[in-house]
Amino acid sequence: KPFELVDLLHEPMGVQQKGIAPAEYQPIT
């Protein structure tokens, strides 16, 4: 069935959190 997908959002973990690597994310598509 057709459906809508809306309000797409990426929330990365920040490097201030233990063990998280720095990364530069591209806008999610």
PDB file of all heavy atoms in Angstrom:
ATOM      1  N   LYS A   1       0.836  -1.201   0.000  1.00  0.00           N
ATOM      2  CA  LYS A   1       0.000   0.000   0.000  1.00  0.00           C
ATOM      3  C   LYS A   1       0.871   1.251   0.000  1.00  0.00           C
ATOM      4  O   LYS A   1       1.934   1.271   0.615  1.00  0.00           O
ATOM      5  CB  LYS A   1      -0.885   0.050   1.250  1.00  0.00           C
ATOM      6  CG  LYS A   1      -1.942  -1.009   1.321  1.00  0.00           C
ATOM      7  CD  LYS A   1      -2.748  -0.820   2.607  1.00  0.00           C
ATOM      8  CE  LYS A   1      -3.778  -1.916   2.781  1.00  0.00           C
ATOM      9  NZ  LYS A   1      -4.476  -1.782   4.078  1.00  0.00           N
ATOM     10  N   PRO A   2       0.423   2.310  -0.656  1.00  0.00           N
ATOM     11  CA  PRO A   2       1.161   3.573  -0.602  1.00  0.00           C
ATOM     12  C   PRO A   2       1.138   4.142   0.821  1.00  0.00           C
ATOM     13  O   PRO A   2       0.185   3.939   1.572  1.00  0.00           O
ATOM     14  CB  PRO A   2       0.394   4.492  -1.552  1.00  0.00           C
ATOM     15  CG  PRO A   2      -0.469   3.590  -2.374  1.00  0.00           C
ATOM     16  CD  PRO A   2      -0.738   2.380  -1.547  1.00  0.00           C
ATOM     17  N   PHE A   3       2.196   4.851   1.170  1.00  0.00           N
ATOM     18  CA  PHE A   3       2.269   5.506   2.478  1.00  0.00           C
ATOM     19  C   PHE A   3       3.192   6.706   2.383  1.00  0.00           C
ATOM     20  O   PHE A   3       3.968   6.835   1.448  1.00  0.00           O
ATOM     21  CB  PHE A   3       2.734   4.525   3.565  1.00  0.00           C
ATOM     22  CG  PHE A   3       4.180   4.103   3.440  1.00  0.00           C
ATOM     23  CD1 PHE A   3       5.164   4.686   4.215  1.00  0.00           C
ATOM     24  CD2 PHE A   3       4.554   3.121   2.536  1.00  0.00           C
ATOM     25  CE1 PHE A   3       6.490   4.288   4.105  1.00  0.00           C
ATOM     26  CE2 PHE A   3       5.874   2.720   2.416  1.00  0.00           C
ATOM     27  CZ  PHE A   3       6.846   3.314   3.212  1.00  0.00           C
ATOM     28  N   GLU A   4       3.083   7.564   3.357  1.00  0.00           N
ATOM     29  CA  GLU A   4       3.961   8.733   3.462  1.00  0.00           C
ATOM     30  C   GLU A   4       5.065   8.445   4.464  1.00  0.00           C
ATOM     31  O   GLU A   4       4.823   7.773   5.471  1.00  0.00           O
ATOM     32  CB  GLU A   4       3.191   9.937   4.016  1.00  0.00           C
ATOM     33  CG  GLU A   4       2.194  10.580   3.117  1.00  0.00           C
ATOM     34  CD  GLU A   4       1.567  11.752   3.858  1.00  0.00           C
ATOM     35  OE1 GLU A   4       2.107  12.870   3.759  1.00  0.00           O
ATOM     36  OE2 GLU A   4       0.569  11.518   4.564  1.00  0.00           O
ATOM     37  N   LEU A   5       6.244   8.968   4.222  1.00  0.00           N
ATOM     38  CA  LEU A   5       7.327   8.954   5.188  1.00  0.00           C
ATOM     39  C   LEU A   5       7.753  10.412   5.349  1.00  0.00           C
ATOM     40  O   LEU A   5       8.173  11.040   4.378  1.00  0.00           O
ATOM     41  CB  LEU A   5       8.483   8.076   4.713  1.00  0.00           C
ATOM     42  CG  LEU A   5       9.559   7.747   5.750  1.00  0.00           C
ATOM     43  CD1 LEU A   5      10.254   6.441   5.411  1.00  0.00           C
ATOM     44  CD2 LEU A   5      10.569   8.853   5.926  1.00  0.00           C
ATOM     45  N   VAL A   6       7.622  10.949   6.568  1.00  0.00           N
ATOM     46  CA  VAL A   6       7.869  12.372   6.813  1.00  0.00           C
ATOM     47  C   VAL A   6       8.732  12.555   8.055  1.00  0.00           C
ATOM     48  O   VAL A   6       8.971  11.615   8.817  1.00  0.00           O
ATOM     49  CB  VAL A   6       6.538  13.150   6.985  1.00  0.00           C
ATOM     50  CG1 VAL A   6       5.709  13.094   5.701  1.00  0.00           C
ATOM     51  CG2 VAL A   6       5.734  12.606   8.160  1.00  0.00           C
ATOM     52  N   ASP A   7       9.146  13.803   8.252  1.00  0.00           N
ATOM     53  CA  ASP A   7       9.908  14.203   9.448  1.00  0.00           C
ATOM     54  C   ASP A   7      11.174  13.376   9.650  1.00  0.00           C
ATOM     55  O   ASP A   7      11.508  12.990  10.770  1.00  0.00           O
ATOM     56  CB  ASP A   7       9.034  14.135  10.708  1.00  0.00           C
ATOM     57  CG  ASP A   7       7.848  15.078  10.651  1.00  0.00           C
ATOM     58  OD1 ASP A   7       7.916  16.060   9.875  1.00  0.00           O
ATOM     59  OD2 ASP A   7       6.860  14.844  11.364  1.00  0.00           O
ATOM     60  N   LEU A   8      11.904  13.111   8.566  1.00  0.00           N
ATOM     61  CA  LEU A   8      13.144  12.339   8.636  1.00  0.00           C
ATOM     62  C   LEU A   8      14.227  13.161   9.323  1.00  0.00           C
ATOM     63  O   LEU A   8      14.486  14.301   8.947  1.00  0.00           O
ATOM     64  CB  LEU A   8      13.589  11.953   7.220  1.00  0.00           C
ATOM     65  CG  LEU A   8      14.851  11.111   7.091  1.00  0.00           C
ATOM     66  CD1 LEU A   8      14.669   9.747   7.750  1.00  0.00           C
ATOM     67  CD2 LEU A   8      15.207  10.941   5.619  1.00  0.00           C
ATOM     68  N   LEU A   9      14.858  12.575  10.335  1.00  0.00           N
ATOM     69  CA  LEU A   9      15.852  13.289  11.138  1.00  0.00           C
ATOM     70  C   LEU A   9      16.946  12.334  11.585  1.00  0.00           C
ATOM     71  O   LEU A   9      16.657  11.230  12.067  1.00  0.00           O
ATOM     72  CB  LEU A   9      15.166  13.901  12.372  1.00  0.00           C
ATOM     73  CG  LEU A   9      16.054  14.575  13.407  1.00  0.00           C
ATOM     74  CD1 LEU A   9      16.685  15.837  12.830  1.00  0.00           C
ATOM     75  CD2 LEU A   9      15.235  14.897  14.649  1.00  0.00           C
ATOM     76  N   HIS A  10      18.199  12.752  11.436  1.00  0.00           N
ATOM     77  CA  HIS A  10      19.332  11.974  11.932  1.00  0.00           C
ATOM     78  C   HIS A  10      19.873  12.647  13.187  1.00  0.00           C
ATOM     79  O   HIS A  10      20.198  13.832  13.171  1.00  0.00           O
ATOM     80  CB  HIS A  10      20.435  11.894  10.859  1.00  0.00           C
ATOM     81  CG  HIS A  10      21.694  11.276  11.375  1.00  0.00           C
ATOM     82  ND1 HIS A  10      22.926  11.828  11.114  1.00  0.00           N
ATOM     83  CD2 HIS A  10      21.930  10.189  12.137  1.00  0.00           C
ATOM     84  CE1 HIS A  10      23.856  11.086  11.689  1.00  0.00           C
ATOM     85  NE2 HIS A  10      23.275  10.084  12.312  1.00  0.00           N
ATOM     86  N   GLU A  11      19.970  11.892  14.271  1.00  0.00           N
ATOM     87  CA  GLU A  11      20.525  12.392  15.530  1.00  0.00           C
ATOM     88  C   GLU A  11      21.780  11.591  15.854  1.00  0.00           C
ATOM     89  O   GLU A  11      21.700  10.514  16.453  1.00  0.00           O
ATOM     90  CB  GLU A  11      19.501  12.254  16.658  1.00  0.00           C
ATOM     91  CG  GLU A  11      18.258  13.090  16.455  1.00  0.00           C
ATOM     92  CD  GLU A  11      17.209  12.859  17.534  1.00  0.00           C
ATOM     93  OE1 GLU A  11      17.315  11.875  18.300  1.00  0.00           O
ATOM     94  OE2 GLU A  11      16.270  13.657  17.596  1.00  0.00           O
ATOM     95  N   PRO A  12      22.965  12.099  15.456  1.00  0.00           N
ATOM     96  CA  PRO A  12      24.194  11.353  15.738  1.00  0.00           C
ATOM     97  C   PRO A  12      24.585  11.466  17.208  1.00  0.00           C
ATOM     98  O   PRO A  12      24.254  12.449  17.871  1.00  0.00           O
ATOM     99  CB  PRO A  12      25.235  12.041  14.848  1.00  0.00           C
ATOM    100  CG  PRO A  12      24.711  13.422  14.654  1.00  0.00           C
ATOM    101  CD  PRO A  12      23.207  13.328  14.711  1.00  0.00           C
ATOM    102  N   MET A  13      25.272  10.459  17.702  1.00  0.00           N
ATOM    103  CA  MET A  13      25.869  10.555  19.032  1.00  0.00           C
ATOM    104  C   MET A  13      27.100  11.439  18.904  1.00  0.00           C
ATOM    105  O   MET A  13      27.848  11.326  17.934  1.00  0.00           O
ATOM    106  CB  MET A  13      26.271   9.181  19.564  1.00  0.00           C
ATOM    107  CG  MET A  13      25.133   8.303  19.956  1.00  0.00           C
ATOM    108  SD  MET A  13      25.773   6.727  20.559  1.00  0.00           S
ATOM    109  CE  MET A  13      24.751   6.483  21.967  1.00  0.00           C
ATOM    110  N   GLY A  14      27.314  12.284  19.865  1.00  0.00           N
ATOM    111  CA  GLY A  14      28.457  13.183  19.829  1.00  0.00           C
ATOM    112  C   GLY A  14      29.706  12.566  20.423  1.00  0.00           C
ATOM    113  O   GLY A  14      29.636  11.599  21.186  1.00  0.00           O
ATOM    114  N   VAL A  15      30.850  13.121  20.059  1.00  0.00           N
ATOM    115  CA  VAL A  15      32.130  12.589  20.542  1.00  0.00           C
ATOM    116  C   VAL A  15      32.291  12.762  22.043  1.00  0.00           C
ATOM    117  O   VAL A  15      33.177  12.166  22.639  1.00  0.00           O
ATOM    118  CB  VAL A  15      33.332  13.223  19.799  1.00  0.00           C
ATOM    119  CG1 VAL A  15      33.365  12.783  18.362  1.00  0.00           C
ATOM    120  CG2 VAL A  15      33.319  14.721  19.921  1.00  0.00           C
ATOM    121  N   GLN A  16      31.437  13.593  22.665  1.00  0.00           N
ATOM    122  CA  GLN A  16      31.517  13.738  24.113  1.00  0.00           C
ATOM    123  C   GLN A  16      31.058  12.459  24.819  1.00  0.00           C
ATOM    124  O   GLN A  16      31.326  12.268  25.991  1.00  0.00           O
ATOM    125  CB  GLN A  16      30.709  14.952  24.600  1.00  0.00           C
ATOM    126  CG  GLN A  16      29.206  14.797  24.502  1.00  0.00           C
ATOM    127  CD  GLN A  16      28.644  15.110  23.113  1.00  0.00           C
ATOM    128  OE1 GLN A  16      29.377  15.276  22.145  1.00  0.00           O
ATOM    129  NE2 GLN A  16      27.323  15.178  23.016  1.00  0.00           N
ATOM    130  N   GLN A  17      30.385  11.567  24.093  1.00  0.00           N
ATOM    131  CA  GLN A  17      29.973  10.301  24.678  1.00  0.00           C
ATOM    132  C   GLN A  17      31.105   9.297  24.511  1.00  0.00           C
ATOM    133  O   GLN A  17      31.701   9.178  23.436  1.00  0.00           O
ATOM    134  CB  GLN A  17      28.678   9.817  24.031  1.00  0.00           C
ATOM    135  CG  GLN A  17      27.519  10.742  24.400  1.00  0.00           C
ATOM    136  CD  GLN A  17      26.233  10.356  23.725  1.00  0.00           C
ATOM    137  OE1 GLN A  17      26.133  10.426  22.514  1.00  0.00           O
ATOM    138  NE2 GLN A  17      25.260   9.973  24.522  1.00  0.00           N
ATOM    139  N   LYS A  18      31.405   8.577  25.565  1.00  0.00           N
ATOM    140  CA  LYS A  18      32.558   7.679  25.612  1.00  0.00           C
ATOM    141  C   LYS A  18      32.573   6.689  24.453  1.00  0.00           C
ATOM    142  O   LYS A  18      31.587   6.009  24.185  1.00  0.00           O
ATOM    143  CB  LYS A  18      32.549   6.923  26.934  1.00  0.00           C
ATOM    144  CG  LYS A  18      33.792   6.105  27.158  1.00  0.00           C
ATOM    145  CD  LYS A  18      33.792   5.470  28.511  1.00  0.00           C
ATOM    146  CE  LYS A  18      35.077   4.673  28.668  1.00  0.00           C
ATOM    147  NZ  LYS A  18      35.139   4.030  29.963  1.00  0.00           N
ATOM    148  N   GLY A  19      33.694   6.631  23.762  1.00  0.00           N
ATOM    149  CA  GLY A  19      33.897   5.652  22.704  1.00  0.00           C
ATOM    150  C   GLY A  19      33.372   6.032  21.333  1.00  0.00           C
ATOM    151  O   GLY A  19      33.545   5.286  20.381  1.00  0.00           O
ATOM    152  N   ILE A  20      32.709   7.186  21.212  1.00  0.00           N
ATOM    153  CA  ILE A  20      32.142   7.580  19.924  1.00  0.00           C
ATOM    154  C   ILE A  20      33.216   8.271  19.072  1.00  0.00           C
ATOM    155  O   ILE A  20      33.898   9.176  19.534  1.00  0.00           O
ATOM    156  CB  ILE A  20      30.926   8.506  20.106  1.00  0.00           C
ATOM    157  CG1 ILE A  20      29.809   7.754  20.845  1.00  0.00           C
ATOM    158  CG2 ILE A  20      30.421   9.034  18.774  1.00  0.00           C
ATOM    159  CD1 ILE A  20      29.270   6.538  20.112  1.00  0.00           C
ATOM    160  N   ALA A  21      33.351   7.820  17.835  1.00  0.00           N
ATOM    161  CA  ALA A  21      34.345   8.379  16.911  1.00  0.00           C
ATOM    162  C   ALA A  21      33.820   9.687  16.312  1.00  0.00           C
ATOM    163  O   ALA A  21      32.624   9.813  16.057  1.00  0.00           O
ATOM    164  CB  ALA A  21      34.637   7.386  15.793  1.00  0.00           C
ATOM    165  N   PRO A  22      34.717  10.629  16.051  1.00  0.00           N
ATOM    166  CA  PRO A  22      34.279  11.837  15.341  1.00  0.00           C
ATOM    167  C   PRO A  22      33.927  11.475  13.895  1.00  0.00           C
ATOM    168  O   PRO A  22      34.581  10.644  13.277  1.00  0.00           O
ATOM    169  CB  PRO A  22      35.500  12.753  15.408  1.00  0.00           C
ATOM    170  CG  PRO A  22      36.665  11.845  15.606  1.00  0.00           C
ATOM    171  CD  PRO A  22      36.155  10.651  16.352  1.00  0.00           C
ATOM    172  N   ALA A  23      32.870  12.079  13.387  1.00  0.00           N
ATOM    173  CA  ALA A  23      32.453  11.846  12.007  1.00  0.00           C
ATOM    174  C   ALA A  23      31.712  13.071  11.520  1.00  0.00           C
ATOM    175  O   ALA A  23      31.031  13.749  12.289  1.00  0.00           O
ATOM    176  CB  ALA A  23      31.556  10.619  11.908  1.00  0.00           C
ATOM    177  N   GLU A  24      31.886  13.366  10.236  1.00  0.00           N
ATOM    178  CA  GLU A  24      31.122  14.441   9.616  1.00  0.00           C
ATOM    179  C   GLU A  24      30.088  13.786   8.712  1.00  0.00           C
ATOM    180  O   GLU A  24      30.423  13.163   7.710  1.00  0.00           O
ATOM    181  CB  GLU A  24      32.045  15.356   8.801  1.00  0.00           C
ATOM    182  CG  GLU A  24      31.315  16.572   8.285  1.00  0.00           C
ATOM    183  CD  GLU A  24      32.257  17.572   7.637  1.00  0.00           C
ATOM    184  OE1 GLU A  24      33.354  17.805   8.178  1.00  0.00           O
ATOM    185  OE2 GLU A  24      31.876  18.097   6.584  1.00  0.00           O
ATOM    186  N   TYR A  25      28.827  13.896   9.127  1.00  0.00           N
ATOM    187  CA  TYR A  25      27.750  13.244   8.382  1.00  0.00           C
ATOM    188  C   TYR A  25      27.240  14.139   7.269  1.00  0.00           C
ATOM    189  O   TYR A  25      27.122  15.352   7.438  1.00  0.00           O
ATOM    190  CB  TYR A  25      26.588  12.891   9.320  1.00  0.00           C
ATOM    191  CG  TYR A  25      26.925  11.773  10.269  1.00  0.00           C
ATOM    192  CD1 TYR A  25      27.415  12.036  11.543  1.00  0.00           C
ATOM    193  CD2 TYR A  25      26.770  10.447   9.880  1.00  0.00           C
ATOM    194  CE1 TYR A  25      27.724  11.005  12.412  1.00  0.00           C
ATOM    195  CE2 TYR A  25      27.079   9.411  10.739  1.00  0.00           C
ATOM    196  CZ  TYR A  25      27.562   9.695  12.013  1.00  0.00           C
ATOM    197  OH  TYR A  25      27.875   8.666  12.868  1.00  0.00           O
ATOM    198  N   GLN A  26      26.918  13.519   6.141  1.00  0.00           N
ATOM    199  CA  GLN A  26      26.247  14.222   5.046  1.00  0.00           C
ATOM    200  C   GLN A  26      24.771  14.318   5.412  1.00  0.00           C
ATOM    201  O   GLN A  26      24.281  13.525   6.225  1.00  0.00           O
ATOM    202  CB  GLN A  26      26.413  13.442   3.740  1.00  0.00           C
ATOM    203  CG  GLN A  26      27.855  13.258   3.324  1.00  0.00           C
ATOM    204  CD  GLN A  26      28.009  12.137   2.305  1.00  0.00           C
ATOM    205  OE1 GLN A  26      27.100  11.371   2.045  1.00  0.00           O
ATOM    206  NE2 GLN A  26      29.205  12.046   1.745  1.00  0.00           N
ATOM    207  N   PRO A  27      24.049  15.260   4.823  1.00  0.00           N
ATOM    208  CA  PRO A  27      22.605  15.305   5.099  1.00  0.00           C
ATOM    209  C   PRO A  27      21.956  13.975   4.710  1.00  0.00           C
ATOM    210  O   PRO A  27      22.254  13.403   3.669  1.00  0.00           O
ATOM    211  CB  PRO A  27      22.101  16.439   4.201  1.00  0.00           C
ATOM    212  CG  PRO A  27      23.319  17.292   3.960  1.00  0.00           C
ATOM    213  CD  PRO A  27      24.485  16.353   3.945  1.00  0.00           C
ATOM    214  N   ILE A  28      21.100  13.476   5.566  1.00  0.00           N
ATOM    215  CA  ILE A  28      20.404  12.221   5.295  1.00  0.00           C
ATOM    216  C   ILE A  28      19.476  12.422   4.099  1.00  0.00           C
ATOM    217  O   ILE A  28      18.909  13.506   3.935  1.00  0.00           O
ATOM    218  CB  ILE A  28      19.646  11.751   6.547  1.00  0.00           C
ATOM    219  CG1 ILE A  28      19.179  10.313   6.377  1.00  0.00           C
ATOM    220  CG2 ILE A  28      18.525  12.691   6.918  1.00  0.00           C
ATOM    221  CD1 ILE A  28      18.750   9.674   7.680  1.00  0.00           C
ATOM    222  N   THR A  29      19.364  11.414   3.233  1.00  0.00           N
ATOM    223  CA  THR A  29      18.532  11.566   2.034  1.00  0.00           C
ATOM    224  C   THR A  29      17.399  10.552   2.027  1.00  0.00           C
ATOM    225  O   THR A  29      17.498   9.470   2.617  1.00  0.00           O
ATOM    226  CB  THR A  29      19.359  11.406   0.740  1.00  0.00           C
ATOM    227  OG1 THR A  29      19.897  10.083   0.694  1.00  0.00           O
ATOM    228  CG2 THR A  29      20.477  12.435   0.676  1.00  0.00           C
TER     229      THR A  29
END
